[in-house]
Amino acid sequence: MASGVKTFIYPVKDLDRAKSLFGALIGSEPTVDSPYYVQFEIGDQRLGLDPNGHTRGFPGSVGYWEVEDINARFQELLAAGATEHESPKDIGNGAHIASVKDADGNVIGLIQPA
């Protein structure tokens, strides 16, 4: 069972410019600030900026459904007709992400927090 969409990740070409824009929109500094990922927290929601998202095949922002067992949910979605976009992987601090595509090519993200 998924507990809802808790994370949105935007692929960006200019990380510093995007960080400045979303910092102004949200009104706070990032909680994660690295050359490969920037994250803001808004209540129990997270907004991420990924400077490598375009090269990994993400055409736009992706909502990530929070799940307890990412490997099991990933396999269930494949069995239900989705195709693999990115297999489950560790993104640090005990968190994992994965993504699939539906029959229309929409990317569906999964995230298992630490």
PDB file of N, CA and C in Angstrom:
ATOM      1  N   MET A   1       0.836  -1.182   0.000  1.00  0.00           N
ATOM      2  CA  MET A   1       0.000   0.000   0.000  1.00  0.00           C
ATOM      3  C   MET A   1       0.886   1.253   0.000  1.00  0.00           C
ATOM      4  N   ALA A   2       0.503   2.218  -0.774  1.00  0.00           N
ATOM      5  CA  ALA A   2       1.229   3.486  -0.823  1.00  0.00           C
ATOM      6  C   ALA A   2       0.558   4.484   0.113  1.00  0.00           C
ATOM      7  N   SER A   3       1.368   5.321   0.755  1.00  0.00           N
ATOM      8  CA  SER A   3       0.809   6.297   1.698  1.00  0.00           C
ATOM      9  C   SER A   3       0.592   7.665   1.063  1.00  0.00           C
ATOM     10  N   GLY A   4       0.738   7.765  -0.239  1.00  0.00           N
ATOM     11  CA  GLY A   4       0.493   9.021  -0.937  1.00  0.00           C
ATOM     12  C   GLY A   4       1.735   9.548  -1.616  1.00  0.00           C
ATOM     13  N   VAL A   5       1.546  10.560  -2.436  1.00  0.00           N
ATOM     14  CA  VAL A   5       2.669  11.201  -3.107  1.00  0.00           C
ATOM     15  C   VAL A   5       3.266  12.218  -2.136  1.00  0.00           C
ATOM     16  N   LYS A   6       4.491  11.971  -1.728  1.00  0.00           N
ATOM     17  CA  LYS A   6       5.151  12.816  -0.736  1.00  0.00           C
ATOM     18  C   LYS A   6       6.319  13.597  -1.315  1.00  0.00           C
ATOM     19  N   THR A   7       6.805  13.183  -2.497  1.00  0.00           N
ATOM     20  CA  THR A   7       7.984  13.800  -3.073  1.00  0.00           C
ATOM     21  C   THR A   7       7.753  14.100  -4.549  1.00  0.00           C
ATOM     22  N   PHE A   8       8.111  15.294  -4.972  1.00  0.00           N
ATOM     23  CA  PHE A   8       8.120  15.662  -6.385  1.00  0.00           C
ATOM     24  C   PHE A   8       9.548  16.025  -6.740  1.00  0.00           C
ATOM     25  N   ILE A   9      10.043  15.443  -7.826  1.00  0.00           N
ATOM     26  CA  ILE A   9      11.404  15.740  -8.268  1.00  0.00           C
ATOM     27  C   ILE A   9      11.341  16.341  -9.664  1.00  0.00           C
ATOM     28  N   TYR A  10      11.998  17.495  -9.803  1.00  0.00           N
ATOM     29  CA  TYR A  10      12.064  18.198 -11.077  1.00  0.00           C
ATOM     30  C   TYR A  10      13.444  17.993 -11.689  1.00  0.00           C
ATOM     31  N   PRO A  11      13.511  17.545 -12.950  1.00  0.00           N
ATOM     32  CA  PRO A  11      14.809  17.537 -13.621  1.00  0.00           C
ATOM     33  C   PRO A  11      15.143  18.979 -14.002  1.00  0.00           C
ATOM     34  N   VAL A  12      16.362  19.407 -13.728  1.00  0.00           N
ATOM     35  CA  VAL A  12      16.759  20.791 -14.013  1.00  0.00           C
ATOM     36  C   VAL A  12      18.091  20.805 -14.756  1.00  0.00           C
ATOM     37  N   LYS A  13      18.279  21.824 -15.579  1.00  0.00           N
ATOM     38  CA  LYS A  13      19.530  21.956 -16.325  1.00  0.00           C
ATOM     39  C   LYS A  13      20.520  22.868 -15.603  1.00  0.00           C
ATOM     40  N   ASP A  14      20.016  23.812 -14.832  1.00  0.00           N
ATOM     41  CA  ASP A  14      20.859  24.743 -14.080  1.00  0.00           C
ATOM     42  C   ASP A  14      20.447  24.653 -12.610  1.00  0.00           C
ATOM     43  N   LEU A  15      21.184  23.847 -11.852  1.00  0.00           N
ATOM     44  CA  LEU A  15      20.822  23.568 -10.462  1.00  0.00           C
ATOM     45  C   LEU A  15      20.818  24.830  -9.600  1.00  0.00           C
ATOM     46  N   ASP A  16      21.817  25.675  -9.746  1.00  0.00           N
ATOM     47  CA  ASP A  16      21.874  26.890  -8.926  1.00  0.00           C
ATOM     48  C   ASP A  16      20.697  27.821  -9.213  1.00  0.00           C
ATOM     49  N   ARG A  17      20.369  27.970 -10.474  1.00  0.00           N
ATOM     50  CA  ARG A  17      19.243  28.838 -10.847  1.00  0.00           C
ATOM     51  C   ARG A  17      17.926  28.269 -10.312  1.00  0.00           C
ATOM     52  N   ALA A  18      17.734  26.940 -10.453  1.00  0.00           N
ATOM     53  CA  ALA A  18      16.515  26.303  -9.951  1.00  0.00           C
ATOM     54  C   ALA A  18      16.443  26.395  -8.431  1.00  0.00           C
ATOM     55  N   LYS A  19      17.578  26.201  -7.755  1.00  0.00           N
ATOM     56  CA  LYS A  19      17.620  26.297  -6.296  1.00  0.00           C
ATOM     57  C   LYS A  19      17.193  27.686  -5.837  1.00  0.00           C
ATOM     58  N   SER A  20      17.661  28.703  -6.525  1.00  0.00           N
ATOM     59  CA  SER A  20      17.297  30.082  -6.198  1.00  0.00           C
ATOM     60  C   SER A  20      15.800  30.320  -6.413  1.00  0.00           C
ATOM     61  N   LEU A  21      15.285  29.840  -7.541  1.00  0.00           N
ATOM     62  CA  LEU A  21      13.873  30.029  -7.861  1.00  0.00           C
ATOM     63  C   LEU A  21      12.970  29.333  -6.846  1.00  0.00           C
ATOM     64  N   PHE A  22      13.233  28.039  -6.581  1.00  0.00           N
ATOM     65  CA  PHE A  22      12.370  27.304  -5.655  1.00  0.00           C
ATOM     66  C   PHE A  22      12.570  27.766  -4.209  1.00  0.00           C
ATOM     67  N   GLY A  23      13.779  28.211  -3.861  1.00  0.00           N
ATOM     68  CA  GLY A  23      14.000  28.785  -2.535  1.00  0.00           C
ATOM     69  C   GLY A  23      13.140  30.021  -2.329  1.00  0.00           C
ATOM     70  N   ALA A  24      13.046  30.863  -3.380  1.00  0.00           N
ATOM     71  CA  ALA A  24      12.197  32.058  -3.303  1.00  0.00           C
ATOM     72  C   ALA A  24      10.725  31.674  -3.216  1.00  0.00           C
ATOM     73  N   LEU A  25      10.322  30.675  -3.991  1.00  0.00           N
ATOM     74  CA  LEU A  25       8.925  30.228  -3.969  1.00  0.00           C
ATOM     75  C   LEU A  25       8.543  29.659  -2.606  1.00  0.00           C
ATOM     76  N   ILE A  26       9.397  28.806  -2.056  1.00  0.00           N
ATOM     77  CA  ILE A  26       9.098  28.107  -0.805  1.00  0.00           C
ATOM     78  C   ILE A  26       9.380  28.992   0.406  1.00  0.00           C
ATOM     79  N   GLY A  27      10.343  29.894   0.272  1.00  0.00           N
ATOM     80  CA  GLY A  27      10.688  30.779   1.374  1.00  0.00           C
ATOM     81  C   GLY A  27      11.597  30.154   2.401  1.00  0.00           C
ATOM     82  N   SER A  28      12.431  29.200   1.965  1.00  0.00           N
ATOM     83  CA  SER A  28      13.372  28.572   2.890  1.00  0.00           C
ATOM     84  C   SER A  28      14.600  28.079   2.132  1.00  0.00           C
ATOM     85  N   GLU A  29      15.601  27.698   2.904  1.00  0.00           N
ATOM     86  CA  GLU A  29      16.821  27.124   2.349  1.00  0.00           C
ATOM     87  C   GLU A  29      16.626  25.619   2.156  1.00  0.00           C
ATOM     88  N   PRO A  30      17.378  24.999   1.269  1.00  0.00           N
ATOM     89  CA  PRO A  30      17.278  23.549   1.082  1.00  0.00           C
ATOM     90  C   PRO A  30      17.699  22.784   2.333  1.00  0.00           C
ATOM     91  N   THR A  31      17.099  21.621   2.528  1.00  0.00           N
ATOM     92  CA  THR A  31      17.510  20.728   3.618  1.00  0.00           C
ATOM     93  C   THR A  31      18.599  19.776   3.157  1.00  0.00           C
ATOM     94  N   VAL A  32      18.698  19.564   1.850  1.00  0.00           N
ATOM     95  CA  VAL A  32      19.789  18.811   1.227  1.00  0.00           C
ATOM     96  C   VAL A  32      20.320  19.696   0.113  1.00  0.00           C
ATOM     97  N   ASP A  33      21.623  19.908   0.082  1.00  0.00           N
ATOM     98  CA  ASP A  33      22.205  20.789  -0.919  1.00  0.00           C
ATOM     99  C   ASP A  33      23.533  20.198  -1.381  1.00  0.00           C
ATOM    100  N   SER A  34      23.485  19.453  -2.471  1.00  0.00           N
ATOM    101  CA  SER A  34      24.686  18.829  -3.012  1.00  0.00           C
ATOM    102  C   SER A  34      24.751  19.091  -4.513  1.00  0.00           C
ATOM    103  N   PRO A  35      25.880  18.818  -5.137  1.00  0.00           N
ATOM    104  CA  PRO A  35      25.992  19.052  -6.583  1.00  0.00           C
ATOM    105  C   PRO A  35      25.095  18.138  -7.422  1.00  0.00           C
ATOM    106  N   TYR A  36      24.640  17.018  -6.840  1.00  0.00           N
ATOM    107  CA  TYR A  36      23.827  16.073  -7.605  1.00  0.00           C
ATOM    108  C   TYR A  36      22.360  16.022  -7.170  1.00  0.00           C
ATOM    109  N   TYR A  37      21.980  16.783  -6.146  1.00  0.00           N
ATOM    110  CA  TYR A  37      20.579  16.787  -5.704  1.00  0.00           C
ATOM    111  C   TYR A  37      20.374  17.883  -4.671  1.00  0.00           C
ATOM    112  N   VAL A  38      19.265  18.592  -4.813  1.00  0.00           N
ATOM    113  CA  VAL A  38      18.868  19.609  -3.841  1.00  0.00           C
ATOM    114  C   VAL A  38      17.447  19.295  -3.418  1.00  0.00           C
ATOM    115  N   GLN A  39      17.173  19.383  -2.125  1.00  0.00           N
ATOM    116  CA  GLN A  39      15.828  19.075  -1.623  1.00  0.00           C
ATOM    117  C   GLN A  39      15.350  20.142  -0.652  1.00  0.00           C
ATOM    118  N   PHE A  40      14.081  20.504  -0.820  1.00  0.00           N
ATOM    119  CA  PHE A  40      13.393  21.392   0.103  1.00  0.00           C
ATOM    120  C   PHE A  40      12.312  20.586   0.802  1.00  0.00           C
ATOM    121  N   GLU A  41      12.009  20.933   2.046  1.00  0.00           N
ATOM    122  CA  GLU A  41      10.907  20.301   2.762  1.00  0.00           C
ATOM    123  C   GLU A  41       9.841  21.337   3.049  1.00  0.00           C
ATOM    124  N   ILE A  42       8.607  20.955   2.725  1.00  0.00           N
ATOM    125  CA  ILE A  42       7.451  21.816   2.940  1.00  0.00           C
ATOM    126  C   ILE A  42       6.452  20.974   3.730  1.00  0.00           C
ATOM    127  N   GLY A  43       6.418  21.150   5.046  1.00  0.00           N
ATOM    128  CA  GLY A  43       5.593  20.278   5.877  1.00  0.00           C
ATOM    129  C   GLY A  43       6.093  18.852   5.746  1.00  0.00           C
ATOM    130  N   ASP A  44       5.190  17.908   5.402  1.00  0.00           N
ATOM    131  CA  ASP A  44       5.618  16.519   5.223  1.00  0.00           C
ATOM    132  C   ASP A  44       5.865  16.187   3.747  1.00  0.00           C
ATOM    133  N   GLN A  45       5.978  17.213   2.912  1.00  0.00           N
ATOM    134  CA  GLN A  45       6.254  17.040   1.487  1.00  0.00           C
ATOM    135  C   GLN A  45       7.714  17.407   1.197  1.00  0.00           C
ATOM    136  N   ARG A  46       8.236  16.795   0.131  1.00  0.00           N
ATOM    137  CA  ARG A  46       9.598  17.106  -0.294  1.00  0.00           C
ATOM    138  C   ARG A  46       9.587  17.507  -1.770  1.00  0.00           C
ATOM    139  N   LEU A  47      10.398  18.496  -2.106  1.00  0.00           N
ATOM    140  CA  LEU A  47      10.567  18.914  -3.486  1.00  0.00           C
ATOM    141  C   LEU A  47      12.039  18.786  -3.812  1.00  0.00           C
ATOM    142  N   GLY A  48      12.358  17.955  -4.808  1.00  0.00           N
ATOM    143  CA  GLY A  48      13.746  17.728  -5.186  1.00  0.00           C
ATOM    144  C   GLY A  48      14.075  18.319  -6.538  1.00  0.00           C
ATOM    145  N   LEU A  49      15.336  18.682  -6.702  1.00  0.00           N
ATOM    146  CA  LEU A  49      15.865  19.187  -7.964  1.00  0.00           C
ATOM    147  C   LEU A  49      17.003  18.270  -8.386  1.00  0.00           C
ATOM    148  N   ASP A  50      16.879  17.677  -9.572  1.00  0.00           N
ATOM    149  CA  ASP A  50      17.846  16.684 -10.044  1.00  0.00           C
ATOM    150  C   ASP A  50      18.518  17.183 -11.323  1.00  0.00           C
ATOM    151  N   PRO A  51      19.808  17.570 -11.248  1.00  0.00           N
ATOM    152  CA  PRO A  51      20.479  18.082 -12.435  1.00  0.00           C
ATOM    153  C   PRO A  51      20.787  17.007 -13.482  1.00  0.00           C
ATOM    154  N   ASN A  52      20.582  15.738 -13.136  1.00  0.00           N
ATOM    155  CA  ASN A  52      20.814  14.638 -14.080  1.00  0.00           C
ATOM    156  C   ASN A  52      19.519  14.008 -14.569  1.00  0.00           C
ATOM    157  N   GLY A  53      18.389  14.546 -14.168  1.00  0.00           N
ATOM    158  CA  GLY A  53      17.099  13.955 -14.514  1.00  0.00           C
ATOM    159  C   GLY A  53      16.836  13.857 -16.006  1.00  0.00           C
ATOM    160  N   HIS A  54      17.188  14.888 -16.757  1.00  0.00           N
ATOM    161  CA  HIS A  54      16.943  14.860 -18.204  1.00  0.00           C
ATOM    162  C   HIS A  54      17.750  13.755 -18.873  1.00  0.00           C
ATOM    163  N   THR A  55      18.996  13.566 -18.467  1.00  0.00           N
ATOM    164  CA  THR A  55      19.829  12.542 -19.086  1.00  0.00           C
ATOM    165  C   THR A  55      19.384  11.136 -18.693  1.00  0.00           C
ATOM    166  N   ARG A  56      18.641  11.024 -17.597  1.00  0.00           N
ATOM    167  CA  ARG A  56      18.128   9.719 -17.164  1.00  0.00           C
ATOM    168  C   ARG A  56      16.727   9.456 -17.705  1.00  0.00           C
ATOM    169  N   GLY A  57      16.224  10.316 -18.585  1.00  0.00           N
ATOM    170  CA  GLY A  57      14.954  10.056 -19.246  1.00  0.00           C
ATOM    171  C   GLY A  57      13.721  10.617 -18.576  1.00  0.00           C
ATOM    172  N   PHE A  58      13.885  11.591 -17.705  1.00  0.00           N
ATOM    173  CA  PHE A  58      12.731  12.222 -17.071  1.00  0.00           C
ATOM    174  C   PHE A  58      12.385  13.491 -17.838  1.00  0.00           C
ATOM    175  N   PRO A  59      11.232  13.509 -18.539  1.00  0.00           N
ATOM    176  CA  PRO A  59      10.875  14.669 -19.354  1.00  0.00           C
ATOM    177  C   PRO A  59      10.357  15.862 -18.547  1.00  0.00           C
ATOM    178  N   GLY A  60       9.906  15.628 -17.334  1.00  0.00           N
ATOM    179  CA  GLY A  60       9.361  16.680 -16.487  1.00  0.00           C
ATOM    180  C   GLY A  60       9.307  16.200 -15.051  1.00  0.00           C
ATOM    181  N   SER A  61       8.578  16.932 -14.214  1.00  0.00           N
ATOM    182  CA  SER A  61       8.514  16.559 -12.800  1.00  0.00           C
ATOM    183  C   SER A  61       7.844  15.206 -12.630  1.00  0.00           C
ATOM    184  N   VAL A  62       8.251  14.504 -11.599  1.00  0.00           N
ATOM    185  CA  VAL A  62       7.722  13.175 -11.300  1.00  0.00           C
ATOM    186  C   VAL A  62       7.292  13.144  -9.840  1.00  0.00           C
ATOM    187  N   GLY A  63       6.072  12.655  -9.603  1.00  0.00           N
ATOM    188  CA  GLY A  63       5.609  12.432  -8.242  1.00  0.00           C
ATOM    189  C   GLY A  63       6.059  11.061  -7.779  1.00  0.00           C
ATOM    190  N   TYR A  64       6.573  10.995  -6.569  1.00  0.00           N
ATOM    191  CA  TYR A  64       7.056   9.729  -6.004  1.00  0.00           C
ATOM    192  C   TYR A  64       6.114   9.262  -4.899  1.00  0.00           C
ATOM    193  N   TRP A  65       5.519   8.099  -5.110  1.00  0.00           N
ATOM    194  CA  TRP A  65       4.626   7.495  -4.124  1.00  0.00           C
ATOM    195  C   TRP A  65       5.459   6.866  -3.022  1.00  0.00           C
ATOM    196  N   GLU A  66       5.159   7.217  -1.784  1.00  0.00           N
ATOM    197  CA  GLU A  66       5.893   6.664  -0.648  1.00  0.00           C
ATOM    198  C   GLU A  66       5.376   5.269  -0.342  1.00  0.00           C
ATOM    199  N   VAL A  67       6.295   4.297  -0.288  1.00  0.00           N
ATOM    200  CA  VAL A  67       5.944   2.894  -0.052  1.00  0.00           C
ATOM    201  C   VAL A  67       6.840   2.320   1.041  1.00  0.00           C
ATOM    202  N   GLU A  68       6.383   1.237   1.651  1.00  0.00           N
ATOM    203  CA  GLU A  68       7.157   0.595   2.716  1.00  0.00           C
ATOM    204  C   GLU A  68       8.191  -0.385   2.168  1.00  0.00           C
ATOM    205  N   ASP A  69       7.856  -1.101   1.086  1.00  0.00           N
ATOM    206  CA  ASP A  69       8.753  -2.107   0.508  1.00  0.00           C
ATOM    207  C   ASP A  69       8.891  -1.830  -0.981  1.00  0.00           C
ATOM    208  N   ILE A  70       9.911  -1.086  -1.345  1.00  0.00           N
ATOM    209  CA  ILE A  70      10.050  -0.637  -2.724  1.00  0.00           C
ATOM    210  C   ILE A  70      10.241  -1.791  -3.704  1.00  0.00           C
ATOM    211  N   ASN A  71      10.972  -2.815  -3.311  1.00  0.00           N
ATOM    212  CA  ASN A  71      11.195  -3.941  -4.220  1.00  0.00           C
ATOM    213  C   ASN A  71       9.897  -4.683  -4.524  1.00  0.00           C
ATOM    214  N   ALA A  72       9.104  -4.918  -3.497  1.00  0.00           N
ATOM    215  CA  ALA A  72       7.830  -5.616  -3.698  1.00  0.00           C
ATOM    216  C   ALA A  72       6.876  -4.783  -4.547  1.00  0.00           C
ATOM    217  N   ARG A  73       6.759  -3.493  -4.243  1.00  0.00           N
ATOM    218  CA  ARG A  73       5.847  -2.633  -5.009  1.00  0.00           C
ATOM    219  C   ARG A  73       6.300  -2.506  -6.464  1.00  0.00           C
ATOM    220  N   PHE A  74       7.588  -2.399  -6.685  1.00  0.00           N
ATOM    221  CA  PHE A  74       8.147  -2.315  -8.032  1.00  0.00           C
ATOM    222  C   PHE A  74       7.749  -3.553  -8.841  1.00  0.00           C
ATOM    223  N   GLN A  75       7.921  -4.729  -8.257  1.00  0.00           N
ATOM    224  CA  GLN A  75       7.564  -5.973  -8.942  1.00  0.00           C
ATOM    225  C   GLN A  75       6.056  -6.067  -9.187  1.00  0.00           C
ATOM    226  N   GLU A  76       5.248  -5.609  -8.226  1.00  0.00           N
ATOM    227  CA  GLU A  76       3.791  -5.621  -8.396  1.00  0.00           C
ATOM    228  C   GLU A  76       3.366  -4.740  -9.568  1.00  0.00           C
ATOM    229  N   LEU A  77       3.997  -3.574  -9.702  1.00  0.00           N
ATOM    230  CA  LEU A  77       3.655  -2.685 -10.812  1.00  0.00           C
ATOM    231  C   LEU A  77       4.075  -3.272 -12.153  1.00  0.00           C
ATOM    232  N   LEU A  78       5.235  -3.929 -12.197  1.00  0.00           N
ATOM    233  CA  LEU A  78       5.649  -4.593 -13.433  1.00  0.00           C
ATOM    234  C   LEU A  78       4.672  -5.706 -13.798  1.00  0.00           C
ATOM    235  N   ALA A  79       4.245  -6.471 -12.802  1.00  0.00           N
ATOM    236  CA  ALA A  79       3.276  -7.551 -13.041  1.00  0.00           C
ATOM    237  C   ALA A  79       1.927  -7.012 -13.499  1.00  0.00           C
ATOM    238  N   ALA A  80       1.622  -5.779 -13.108  1.00  0.00           N
ATOM    239  CA  ALA A  80       0.340  -5.166 -13.482  1.00  0.00           C
ATOM    240  C   ALA A  80       0.404  -4.477 -14.844  1.00  0.00           C
ATOM    241  N   GLY A  81       1.558  -4.546 -15.529  1.00  0.00           N
ATOM    242  CA  GLY A  81       1.644  -4.011 -16.877  1.00  0.00           C
ATOM    243  C   GLY A  81       2.563  -2.825 -17.071  1.00  0.00           C
ATOM    244  N   ALA A  82       3.164  -2.325 -16.005  1.00  0.00           N
ATOM    245  CA  ALA A  82       4.107  -1.211 -16.144  1.00  0.00           C
ATOM    246  C   ALA A  82       5.411  -1.730 -16.754  1.00  0.00           C
ATOM    247  N   THR A  83       6.205  -0.820 -17.283  1.00  0.00           N
ATOM    248  CA  THR A  83       7.538  -1.179 -17.765  1.00  0.00           C
ATOM    249  C   THR A  83       8.581  -0.472 -16.902  1.00  0.00           C
ATOM    250  N   GLU A  84       9.724  -1.108 -16.770  1.00  0.00           N
ATOM    251  CA  GLU A  84      10.786  -0.547 -15.929  1.00  0.00           C
ATOM    252  C   GLU A  84      11.349   0.733 -16.529  1.00  0.00           C
ATOM    253  N   HIS A  85      11.480   1.746 -15.694  1.00  0.00           N
ATOM    254  CA  HIS A  85      12.150   2.985 -16.080  1.00  0.00           C
ATOM    255  C   HIS A  85      13.487   3.061 -15.356  1.00  0.00           C
ATOM    256  N   GLU A  86      13.472   2.948 -14.038  1.00  0.00           N
ATOM    257  CA  GLU A  86      14.686   2.840 -13.228  1.00  0.00           C
ATOM    258  C   GLU A  86      14.435   1.820 -12.128  1.00  0.00           C
ATOM    259  N   SER A  87      15.292   0.821 -12.046  1.00  0.00           N
ATOM    260  CA  SER A  87      15.134  -0.194 -11.009  1.00  0.00           C
ATOM    261  C   SER A  87      15.435   0.412  -9.635  1.00  0.00           C
ATOM    262  N   PRO A  88      14.960  -0.228  -8.566  1.00  0.00           N
ATOM    263  CA  PRO A  88      15.200   0.310  -7.215  1.00  0.00           C
ATOM    264  C   PRO A  88      16.690   0.512  -6.948  1.00  0.00           C
ATOM    265  N   LYS A  89      16.992   1.675  -6.353  1.00  0.00           N
ATOM    266  CA  LYS A  89      18.386   1.951  -6.007  1.00  0.00           C
ATOM    267  C   LYS A  89      18.449   2.786  -4.748  1.00  0.00           C
ATOM    268  N   ASP A  90      19.559   2.617  -4.045  1.00  0.00           N
ATOM    269  CA  ASP A  90      19.840   3.363  -2.823  1.00  0.00           C
ATOM    270  C   ASP A  90      20.277   4.767  -3.209  1.00  0.00           C
ATOM    271  N   ILE A  91      19.643   5.781  -2.623  1.00  0.00           N
ATOM    272  CA  ILE A  91      20.021   7.168  -2.912  1.00  0.00           C
ATOM    273  C   ILE A  91      20.702   7.828  -1.713  1.00  0.00           C
ATOM    274  N   GLY A  92      21.081   7.033  -0.745  1.00  0.00           N
ATOM    275  CA  GLY A  92      21.789   7.559   0.414  1.00  0.00           C
ATOM    276  C   GLY A  92      20.894   7.717   1.625  1.00  0.00           C
ATOM    277  N   ASN A  93      21.517   7.686   2.777  1.00  0.00           N
ATOM    278  CA  ASN A  93      20.822   7.849   4.052  1.00  0.00           C
ATOM    279  C   ASN A  93      19.705   6.840   4.256  1.00  0.00           C
ATOM    280  N   GLY A  94      19.805   5.678   3.604  1.00  0.00           N
ATOM    281  CA  GLY A  94      18.824   4.615   3.793  1.00  0.00           C
ATOM    282  C   GLY A  94      17.578   4.718   2.947  1.00  0.00           C
ATOM    283  N   ALA A  95      17.481   5.735   2.098  1.00  0.00           N
ATOM    284  CA  ALA A  95      16.309   5.904   1.227  1.00  0.00           C
ATOM    285  C   ALA A  95      16.556   5.228  -0.119  1.00  0.00           C
ATOM    286  N   HIS A  96      15.471   4.806  -0.774  1.00  0.00           N
ATOM    287  CA  HIS A  96      15.549   4.151  -2.084  1.00  0.00           C
ATOM    288  C   HIS A  96      14.494   4.739  -3.010  1.00  0.00           C
ATOM    289  N   ILE A  97      14.816   4.805  -4.303  1.00  0.00           N
ATOM    290  CA  ILE A  97      13.841   5.233  -5.304  1.00  0.00           C
ATOM    291  C   ILE A  97      13.827   4.242  -6.458  1.00  0.00           C
ATOM    292  N   ALA A  98      12.730   4.274  -7.206  1.00  0.00           N
ATOM    293  CA  ALA A  98      12.572   3.487  -8.430  1.00  0.00           C
ATOM    294  C   ALA A  98      11.493   4.173  -9.238  1.00  0.00           C
ATOM    295  N   SER A  99      11.389   3.806 -10.510  1.00  0.00           N
ATOM    296  CA  SER A  99      10.306   4.347 -11.323  1.00  0.00           C
ATOM    297  C   SER A  99       9.934   3.374 -12.425  1.00  0.00           C
ATOM    298  N   VAL A 100       8.675   3.467 -12.827  1.00  0.00           N
ATOM    299  CA  VAL A 100       8.129   2.657 -13.914  1.00  0.00           C
ATOM    300  C   VAL A 100       7.395   3.601 -14.868  1.00  0.00           C
ATOM    301  N   LYS A 101       7.062   3.081 -16.036  1.00  0.00           N
ATOM    302  CA  LYS A 101       6.222   3.828 -16.970  1.00  0.00           C
ATOM    303  C   LYS A 101       4.930   3.061 -17.181  1.00  0.00           C
ATOM    304  N   ASP A 102       3.831   3.818 -17.276  1.00  0.00           N
ATOM    305  CA  ASP A 102       2.552   3.181 -17.579  1.00  0.00           C
ATOM    306  C   ASP A 102       2.434   3.014 -19.091  1.00  0.00           C
ATOM    307  N   ALA A 103       1.308   2.472 -19.556  1.00  0.00           N
ATOM    308  CA  ALA A 103       1.108   2.196 -20.981  1.00  0.00           C
ATOM    309  C   ALA A 103       1.141   3.450 -21.843  1.00  0.00           C
ATOM    310  N   ASP A 104       0.914   4.617 -21.235  1.00  0.00           N
ATOM    311  CA  ASP A 104       0.938   5.876 -21.978  1.00  0.00           C
ATOM    312  C   ASP A 104       2.279   6.590 -21.897  1.00  0.00           C
ATOM    313  N   GLY A 105       3.259   5.969 -21.247  1.00  0.00           N
ATOM    314  CA  GLY A 105       4.586   6.566 -21.135  1.00  0.00           C
ATOM    315  C   GLY A 105       4.776   7.492 -19.959  1.00  0.00           C
ATOM    316  N   ASN A 106       3.770   7.591 -19.082  1.00  0.00           N
ATOM    317  CA  ASN A 106       3.899   8.432 -17.889  1.00  0.00           C
ATOM    318  C   ASN A 106       4.837   7.761 -16.887  1.00  0.00           C
ATOM    319  N   VAL A 107       5.739   8.536 -16.303  1.00  0.00           N
ATOM    320  CA  VAL A 107       6.657   8.014 -15.301  1.00  0.00           C
ATOM    321  C   VAL A 107       5.979   8.069 -13.938  1.00  0.00           C
ATOM    322  N   ILE A 108       6.031   6.950 -13.231  1.00  0.00           N
ATOM    323  CA  ILE A 108       5.474   6.837 -11.876  1.00  0.00           C
ATOM    324  C   ILE A 108       6.641   6.526 -10.951  1.00  0.00           C
ATOM    325  N   GLY A 109       6.891   7.410  -9.993  1.00  0.00           N
ATOM    326  CA  GLY A 109       7.999   7.222  -9.077  1.00  0.00           C
ATOM    327  C   GLY A 109       7.573   6.541  -7.790  1.00  0.00           C
ATOM    328  N   LEU A 110       8.503   5.783  -7.219  1.00  0.00           N
ATOM    329  CA  LEU A 110       8.333   5.148  -5.912  1.00  0.00           C
ATOM    330  C   LEU A 110       9.491   5.590  -5.034  1.00  0.00           C
ATOM    331  N   ILE A 111       9.205   5.844  -3.760  1.00  0.00           N
ATOM    332  CA  ILE A 111      10.260   6.176  -2.813  1.00  0.00           C
ATOM    333  C   ILE A 111      10.004   5.435  -1.511  1.00  0.00           C
ATOM    334  N   GLN A 112      11.059   4.839  -0.991  1.00  0.00           N
ATOM    335  CA  GLN A 112      11.018   4.195   0.321  1.00  0.00           C
ATOM    336  C   GLN A 112      11.945   5.003   1.216  1.00  0.00           C
ATOM    337  N   PRO A 113      11.362   5.778   2.141  1.00  0.00           N
ATOM    338  CA  PRO A 113      12.221   6.592   3.011  1.00  0.00           C
ATOM    339  C   PRO A 113      13.030   5.718   3.968  1.00  0.00           C
ATOM    340  N   ALA A 114      14.021   6.325   4.559  1.00  0.00           N
ATOM    341  CA  ALA A 114      14.884   5.619   5.521  1.00  0.00           C
ATOM    342  C   ALA A 114      14.075   5.166   6.715  1.00  0.00           C
TER     343      ALA A 114
END
